[in-house]
Structure formats: structure tokens, C-alpha cells
Amino acid sequence: MTPQRLRVFPAISRNRDPRKYVAELMRVAEFADRNGFEGILLFEGNDVFVEPWAMAQHIMAGTTRSSPLIAVNPVYMHPFTAAKFVSSFAQLYGRKVYLNMITGTAVSDLQGLGDEQSHADRYVRLGEYVALMRQLLSSPRPVTVEGRFYRAGNLQLRPRLPAELMPEFLIAGQSEAAQRVARETGCIKMQMLPPDLDRGLDAPGMNFGIFAREKSDDAREAAKARFRDSPDDRELLALTVENSDSVWKRRLYEGQSGELLDNGYWLLPFLTFQADCPYLVGSYEEIGAKLKAFAAKGLTTIMLDMVADESEMQHVCKALAASGMF
């Protein structure tokens, strides 16, 4: 059986300049809309310059087919409100959205918000959140639930969302609690690109970046010119890891080097706080072949870190096209 087409959600590399944030997101979103990407990933957190729901509406109003992937953290919004946004976008634009369900933000941010739940309990809450949102969006009758974190009595969302516009839910956490919630709720489970590219895939979704050129040596040289090592940037990452209880972030951080491996796996952009994931570096054909192999093993969905300039995005498109899955 031929693997299905890969769905790709670009995410821009870290932008620390609020004056450029919206324009850069729109540039990537418009590029994605023209080039067959599913939609752009929008982050959530105390330090995000524009609330992702507001940015999603701005993007949908300025594109023709984009279905944004919106990060949702229960600490910021009630599930009824999130469901109302999903329903509103469906009515305004006739498009579905994707929801990246998260629990993590900086520990100091959680403390500032007064959220004292344990790591495990935040995932219990996340599971209830997903379940209640789905019921509200799909049920023809009022919803009554009695959960540990959420209760609803005869709560109804009007109008009911058409089945084809129901959002898809993703969970990117790597802890046992995150994996359990993904299984129980049927969310798309995400993972980081593993250093062993041939054996480490055990989820339908994966998070990584691509740096590609026509020839492998050119890709490696250009990648090292773009992402340079820096003690100051490594220290910045160390501070964020110290202020986080994220399992995936600690797993990437601990015991890793910034060496560009022979198979193209490269963690330096993450270690220098320039990306939230590893990168895959190589020629268009090399990366295309790896993507095709991933798809044959069940990969369907990619969160793809991208450098937000036109030439680099074109290189990424060529690598994706070489897979035959995009």
C-alpha cells in the first residue's frame, strides 16, 4: 500500500524581535499556503508576542486554504472557549484547524499564573480538556460531564460543527503521562527526530527541521554557516531547561553534542537556542529518501522548523518534493 501524503506544518525559528514577529509569521504562512503545506504552527506561552488564536484568524483571513496548527494549553483557556473559537473559524472561513495540545511552559510562568498542578496532573487535565472539546463540537445535545478538572451541566455549543471541519488533536509530550493521554484520547502522537534515523520512529508525527541543498556537502557547509555555535546561546538554553519540567527538552539537552552526524542528524540549532528541535541536513535526494522511508513506517504529520527566508524555504520544498510524499 502506498503511504499517504505527508502533512507538513512549518514553524519559524525563534524570533526575538516583536517588531518583526507578525510580518515573519505571515510571510511563512503565505508561502505555506502557496506551496501545499497544511498550515503553520502557532506557539503559546507567556512570552509569545501575539496570542495564537488571534494570529490564526489573521492568517486565515489572509490566505486561501491554510489550516493553522494552534497550540492549546489548558492553563490559558477553558475548553468551551477553545471550542467556540474552532466553531467560529469554521463559520467564518469554512476551514478546519489543528490543535497542538500542550501542558508545558516555563515553571516560573506556571507559578505566575497560580497553576500548582503536578506534571502528571496537568496531563490528566489535558485529557479531560480534549474529551470535553470533542463532545461540545460534535454532540447534537447538551453535554454533561463530571470530571476531576472540568464539569459541565447541559452545556451546548451551537451550531454543531460539521464532521469534515472537526479539528485534529496532536500531543507532542514525550513523558509517560503524555503518551498515555495520546493513546486514551486518540490524539496524533508526536516525537522528536531520533538520532538513529533508521529505527527510532514510533509515532505518526515527528518534529524536526530541514536544511537542504542539491549536494550533501553544500548543505552541511551552508547549515554550519547559518547555525553557529555560541557559548552565550548555549547558556541561554541551559537557563530555559533549568526553568522547565519538559521531558522532551531534558532528553534532548542531556548528554548531547552539537556534532553534525554522518546521517544528517544535527542538534546544534536546539543546543544554541535557535530551534526547538533537531535538524536533518543533506541533499534533496537524501532527505527525500529519508522522508519516504519514514512515511513507509507510518509517519503522516511533520512539525517542520524553518528558517524564515524565501530561499531557504524553497530549498525545503525541493527536499519535500523529492520524497514523493508531499
Protein backbone atom coordinates (compact mmCIF):
# COMPACT_ATOMS: atom_id res chain seq x y z
CA MET A 1 0.00 0.00 0.00
CA THR A 2 1.35 3.45 -0.92
CA PRO A 3 1.90 5.70 2.13
CA GLN A 4 -0.40 8.71 2.29
CA ARG A 5 0.75 12.23 1.58
CA LEU A 6 2.73 13.87 4.37
CA ARG A 7 1.05 16.77 6.13
CA VAL A 8 3.62 19.43 6.96
CA PHE A 9 3.23 22.34 9.39
CA PRO A 10 6.08 24.85 9.21
CA ALA A 11 7.19 26.58 12.38
CA ILE A 12 9.50 29.57 12.19
CA SER A 13 12.79 29.55 14.05
CA ARG A 14 12.89 31.68 17.17
CA ASN A 15 12.12 35.36 16.56
CA ARG A 16 13.15 37.58 19.46
CA ASP A 17 12.08 40.83 17.79
CA PRO A 18 8.39 41.70 18.38
CA ARG A 19 8.53 44.30 15.59
CA LYS A 20 9.12 41.56 13.02
CA TYR A 21 7.00 38.79 14.54
CA VAL A 22 3.68 39.21 12.73
CA ALA A 23 5.23 40.00 9.34
CA GLU A 24 7.51 36.98 9.55
CA LEU A 25 4.67 34.65 10.50
CA MET A 26 2.55 35.99 7.65
CA ARG A 27 5.40 35.58 5.17
CA VAL A 28 5.78 31.92 6.12
CA ALA A 29 2.01 31.38 6.24
CA GLU A 30 1.54 32.83 2.76
CA PHE A 31 4.45 30.76 1.43
CA ALA A 32 2.95 27.65 3.03
CA ASP A 33 -0.45 28.43 1.50
CA ARG A 34 1.05 28.70 -1.99
CA ASN A 35 3.21 25.59 -1.72
CA GLY A 36 0.94 22.88 -0.37
CA PHE A 37 1.71 22.96 3.34
CA GLU A 38 -1.19 22.14 5.65
CA GLY A 39 -0.86 25.23 7.81
CA ILE A 40 1.58 26.99 10.11
CA LEU A 41 2.32 26.05 13.74
CA LEU A 42 1.49 28.81 16.24
CA PHE A 43 3.11 28.70 19.68
CA GLU A 44 1.52 29.50 23.04
CA GLY A 45 3.13 30.85 26.19
CA ASN A 46 3.61 33.90 28.38
CA ASP A 47 6.40 35.12 26.10
CA VAL A 48 4.54 34.70 22.77
CA PHE A 49 4.09 38.14 21.24
CA VAL A 50 0.63 37.51 19.70
CA GLU A 51 -1.99 35.17 21.14
CA PRO A 52 -2.15 32.17 18.75
CA TRP A 53 -5.93 32.28 18.31
CA ALA A 54 -5.68 35.92 17.21
CA MET A 55 -2.78 35.10 14.91
CA ALA A 56 -4.69 32.14 13.46
CA GLN A 57 -7.58 34.41 12.48
CA HIS A 58 -5.18 36.91 10.94
CA ILE A 59 -3.60 34.13 8.89
CA MET A 60 -6.89 32.57 7.80
CA ALA A 61 -8.18 35.96 6.68
CA GLY A 62 -5.06 36.47 4.57
CA THR A 63 -4.79 33.01 2.96
CA THR A 64 -6.99 30.76 0.85
CA ARG A 65 -6.53 27.25 2.28
CA SER A 66 -4.38 27.37 5.41
CA SER A 67 -5.47 25.32 8.44
CA PRO A 68 -3.30 26.59 11.29
CA LEU A 69 -1.92 24.27 13.97
CA ILE A 70 -2.72 26.17 17.17
CA ALA A 71 -1.00 25.38 20.46
CA VAL A 72 -3.54 24.98 23.28
CA ASN A 73 -2.60 24.92 26.96
CA PRO A 74 -5.46 24.45 29.47
CA VAL A 75 -3.85 26.92 31.84
CA TYR A 76 -4.80 29.76 29.47
CA MET A 77 -8.32 28.92 28.27
CA HIS A 78 -11.45 26.95 29.19
CA PRO A 79 -12.35 24.15 26.72
CA PHE A 80 -15.71 25.77 25.94
CA THR A 81 -13.94 28.95 24.84
CA ALA A 82 -11.49 26.97 22.69
CA ALA A 83 -14.40 25.08 21.12
CA LYS A 84 -16.14 28.39 20.39
CA PHE A 85 -13.05 29.60 18.54
CA VAL A 86 -12.91 26.41 16.47
CA SER A 87 -16.60 26.73 15.62
CA SER A 88 -16.21 30.42 14.80
CA PHE A 89 -13.32 29.77 12.39
CA ALA A 90 -15.39 27.08 10.68
CA GLN A 91 -18.24 29.54 10.15
CA LEU A 92 -16.01 32.44 9.11
CA TYR A 93 -13.68 30.60 6.74
CA GLY A 94 -15.11 27.13 6.13
CA ARG A 95 -11.83 25.56 7.26
CA LYS A 96 -10.75 23.19 9.98
CA VAL A 97 -7.90 23.84 12.37
CA TYR A 98 -5.44 21.54 14.08
CA LEU A 99 -4.77 21.77 17.81
CA ASN A 100 -1.38 21.07 19.38
CA MET A 101 -2.29 20.13 22.93
CA ILE A 102 0.40 21.08 25.44
CA THR A 103 0.82 21.37 29.19
CA GLY A 104 4.27 22.87 29.38
CA THR A 105 5.54 26.37 29.74
CA ALA A 106 8.26 27.78 31.94
CA VAL A 107 7.90 26.76 35.59
CA SER A 108 8.11 30.43 36.54
CA ASP A 109 5.20 31.17 34.19
CA LEU A 110 3.07 28.46 35.80
CA GLN A 111 3.88 29.88 39.21
CA GLY A 112 2.99 33.36 38.00
CA LEU A 113 -0.36 32.07 36.76
CA GLY A 114 -1.03 30.28 40.04
CA ASP A 115 -1.07 26.83 38.45
CA GLU A 116 0.24 24.37 41.03
CA GLN A 117 -0.70 21.07 39.39
CA SER A 118 1.93 18.37 39.14
CA HIS A 119 3.31 17.31 35.74
CA ALA A 120 1.16 14.15 35.80
CA ASP A 121 -1.99 16.01 36.84
CA ARG A 122 -1.56 18.56 34.07
CA TYR A 123 -1.84 15.67 31.61
CA VAL A 124 -4.93 14.32 33.36
CA ARG A 125 -6.43 17.77 32.91
CA LEU A 126 -5.33 17.81 29.26
CA GLY A 127 -7.13 14.51 28.59
CA GLU A 128 -10.34 15.89 30.09
CA TYR A 129 -9.91 19.05 28.03
CA VAL A 130 -9.70 17.16 24.74
CA ALA A 131 -12.65 14.93 25.62
CA LEU A 132 -14.88 17.87 26.57
CA MET A 133 -13.95 19.87 23.47
CA ARG A 134 -14.80 16.93 21.22
CA GLN A 135 -18.16 16.43 22.90
CA LEU A 136 -19.03 20.11 22.66
CA LEU A 137 -18.11 20.28 18.97
CA SER A 138 -19.88 17.09 17.90
CA SER A 139 -22.82 16.45 20.21
CA PRO A 140 -26.33 17.32 18.94
CA ARG A 141 -27.48 17.52 22.57
CA PRO A 142 -26.31 19.45 25.63
CA VAL A 143 -23.21 17.98 27.29
CA THR A 144 -22.99 16.98 30.93
CA VAL A 145 -19.67 15.81 32.35
CA GLU A 146 -18.31 15.35 35.85
CA GLY A 147 -14.53 15.23 35.58
CA ARG A 148 -11.77 15.87 38.03
CA PHE A 149 -10.85 19.21 36.44
CA TYR A 150 -13.85 20.08 34.27
CA ARG A 151 -17.55 19.92 34.96
CA ALA A 152 -20.38 20.87 32.66
CA GLY A 153 -24.14 20.70 33.10
CA ASN A 154 -26.31 20.78 29.97
CA LEU A 155 -23.66 22.81 28.16
CA GLN A 156 -24.24 23.19 24.43
CA LEU A 157 -22.29 24.74 21.59
CA ARG A 158 -24.28 25.99 18.62
CA PRO A 159 -24.15 25.27 15.80
CA ARG A 160 -22.77 21.74 15.85
CA LEU A 161 -19.56 21.51 13.82
CA PRO A 162 -19.75 19.58 10.51
CA ALA A 163 -17.73 16.37 10.68
CA GLU A 164 -15.37 17.47 7.92
CA LEU A 165 -14.40 20.57 9.93
CA MET A 166 -13.68 18.77 13.21
CA PRO A 167 -10.21 19.67 14.46
CA GLU A 168 -7.46 17.08 14.76
CA PHE A 169 -5.60 16.99 18.05
CA LEU A 170 -1.85 16.46 18.41
CA ILE A 171 0.15 15.77 21.58
CA ALA A 172 3.87 16.44 21.46
CA GLY A 173 4.88 15.49 25.02
CA GLN A 174 7.38 12.67 25.47
CA SER A 175 6.68 11.65 29.08
CA GLU A 176 4.75 8.53 30.07
CA ALA A 177 1.82 10.72 31.10
CA ALA A 178 1.77 12.40 27.68
CA GLN A 179 1.95 9.09 25.85
CA ARG A 180 -0.89 7.69 27.93
CA VAL A 181 -3.16 10.67 27.22
CA ALA A 182 -2.37 10.45 23.50
CA ARG A 183 -3.43 6.78 23.49
CA GLU A 184 -6.57 7.32 25.57
CA THR A 185 -7.81 10.31 23.58
CA GLY A 186 -6.75 9.14 20.13
CA CYS A 187 -4.65 12.25 19.56
CA ILE A 188 -1.84 12.18 17.00
CA LYS A 189 1.28 11.34 18.98
CA MET A 190 4.35 13.41 18.11
CA GLN A 191 8.02 12.74 18.76
CA MET A 192 11.36 14.38 18.09
CA LEU A 193 13.51 13.23 15.18
CA PRO A 194 15.66 10.45 16.71
CA PRO A 195 19.46 10.35 16.28
CA ASP A 196 19.09 6.84 14.88
CA LEU A 197 17.05 7.72 11.83
CA ASP A 198 16.54 4.09 10.81
CA ARG A 199 14.96 2.74 13.98
CA GLY A 200 13.73 5.46 16.30
CA LEU A 201 10.30 6.16 14.79
CA ASP A 202 7.36 5.04 16.92
CA ALA A 203 4.75 7.77 16.33
CA PRO A 204 2.73 9.07 13.37
CA GLY A 205 4.06 12.59 13.92
CA MET A 206 7.57 14.00 14.14
CA ASN A 207 9.19 17.35 14.91
CA PHE A 208 12.40 18.44 13.18
CA GLY A 209 13.91 20.96 10.80
CA ILE A 210 15.33 20.52 7.30
CA PHE A 211 18.41 22.14 5.85
CA ALA A 212 18.93 21.05 2.26
CA ARG A 213 20.88 21.77 -0.89
CA GLU A 214 21.31 19.96 -4.20
CA LYS A 215 24.54 18.37 -2.91
CA SER A 216 25.09 17.00 0.58
CA ASP A 217 28.42 18.77 1.18
CA ASP A 218 26.89 22.09 0.19
CA ALA A 219 24.00 21.52 2.62
CA ARG A 220 26.35 20.75 5.51
CA GLU A 221 28.51 23.78 4.78
CA ALA A 222 25.54 26.13 4.47
CA ALA A 223 23.93 24.74 7.64
CA LYS A 224 27.07 25.38 9.67
CA ALA A 225 27.22 28.92 8.29
CA ARG A 226 23.58 29.56 9.24
CA PHE A 227 23.61 28.00 12.72
CA ARG A 228 26.82 28.91 14.52
CA ASP A 229 27.86 27.65 17.92
CA SER A 230 27.83 30.19 20.72
CA PRO A 231 28.59 29.83 24.44
CA ASP A 232 26.12 32.60 25.23
CA ASP A 233 23.32 30.87 23.31
CA ARG A 234 24.12 27.53 24.97
CA GLU A 235 23.90 29.25 28.34
CA LEU A 236 20.51 30.71 27.38
CA LEU A 237 19.22 27.21 26.63
CA ALA A 238 20.64 25.91 29.91
CA LEU A 239 18.66 28.55 31.77
CA THR A 240 15.41 27.60 30.00
CA VAL A 241 15.96 23.89 30.71
CA GLU A 242 16.53 24.69 34.37
CA ASN A 243 13.22 26.58 34.38
CA SER A 244 11.29 23.71 32.74
CA ASP A 245 9.92 20.29 33.66
CA SER A 246 9.62 19.29 29.99
CA VAL A 247 10.71 15.68 29.48
CA TRP A 248 11.49 16.05 25.78
CA LYS A 249 13.58 19.17 26.34
CA ARG A 250 15.68 17.50 29.02
CA ARG A 251 16.15 14.37 26.92
CA LEU A 252 17.47 16.44 24.03
CA TYR A 253 19.65 18.57 26.27
CA GLU A 254 21.30 15.93 28.44
CA GLY A 255 24.32 14.12 27.07
CA GLN A 256 24.14 15.56 23.55
CA SER A 257 26.73 17.33 21.44
CA GLY A 258 26.40 19.73 18.54
CA GLU A 259 28.21 17.46 16.10
CA LEU A 260 26.63 17.06 12.66
CA LEU A 261 26.33 13.29 12.30
CA ASP A 262 27.06 11.36 9.13
CA ASN A 263 23.37 10.50 8.72
CA GLY A 264 22.44 14.21 8.74
CA TYR A 265 21.10 14.42 12.31
CA TRP A 266 22.10 17.75 13.89
CA LEU A 267 21.19 19.07 17.32
CA LEU A 268 23.24 22.27 17.35
CA PRO A 269 20.30 24.57 16.41
CA PHE A 270 18.48 23.30 19.52
CA LEU A 271 21.55 23.44 21.79
CA THR A 272 22.15 27.07 20.83
CA PHE A 273 18.51 28.10 21.42
CA GLN A 274 17.90 28.77 17.73
CA ALA A 275 15.31 25.99 17.24
CA ASP A 276 13.07 23.76 19.36
CA CYS A 277 14.08 20.52 17.66
CA PRO A 278 16.88 18.68 15.85
CA TYR A 279 17.62 19.29 12.18
CA LEU A 280 18.04 16.89 9.27
CA VAL A 281 20.80 18.09 6.92
CA GLY A 282 21.57 16.73 3.46
CA SER A 283 20.89 16.81 -0.25
CA TYR A 284 17.37 16.97 -1.64
CA GLU A 285 17.58 13.32 -2.65
CA GLU A 286 18.98 12.17 0.70
CA ILE A 287 16.30 13.94 2.70
CA GLY A 288 13.57 12.90 0.28
CA ALA A 289 14.60 9.26 0.63
CA LYS A 290 14.57 9.51 4.43
CA LEU A 291 11.11 11.10 4.41
CA LYS A 292 9.81 8.37 2.13
CA ALA A 293 11.22 5.74 4.48
CA PHE A 294 9.62 7.49 7.47
CA ALA A 295 6.26 7.57 5.67
CA ALA A 296 6.53 3.85 4.91
CA LYS A 297 6.87 3.27 8.68
CA GLY A 298 3.75 5.27 9.47
CA LEU A 299 4.78 8.92 9.56
CA THR A 300 1.88 11.15 8.49
CA THR A 301 2.48 14.53 10.13
CA ILE A 302 5.53 16.78 10.45
CA MET A 303 6.08 19.90 12.56
CA LEU A 304 8.86 21.43 10.49
CA ASP A 305 11.19 24.10 11.83
CA MET A 306 12.05 26.53 9.04
CA VAL A 307 14.39 29.46 8.56
CA ALA A 308 12.01 32.22 7.52
CA ASP A 309 13.53 33.48 4.31
CA GLU A 310 12.33 32.70 0.80
CA SER A 311 15.47 30.98 -0.50
CA GLU A 312 15.73 28.60 2.47
CA MET A 313 12.05 27.74 2.24
CA GLN A 314 12.46 26.92 -1.44
CA HIS A 315 15.27 24.51 -0.57
CA VAL A 316 12.96 22.84 1.96
CA CYS A 317 10.23 22.48 -0.67
CA LYS A 318 12.66 20.74 -3.04
CA ALA A 319 13.64 18.26 -0.34
CA LEU A 320 10.00 17.58 0.49
CA ALA A 321 9.12 17.13 -3.18
CA ALA A 322 11.97 14.63 -3.57
CA SER A 323 10.14 12.33 -1.13
CA GLY A 324 7.19 11.87 -3.48
CA MET A 325 5.03 12.16 -0.35
CA PHE A 326 4.41 15.92 -0.48
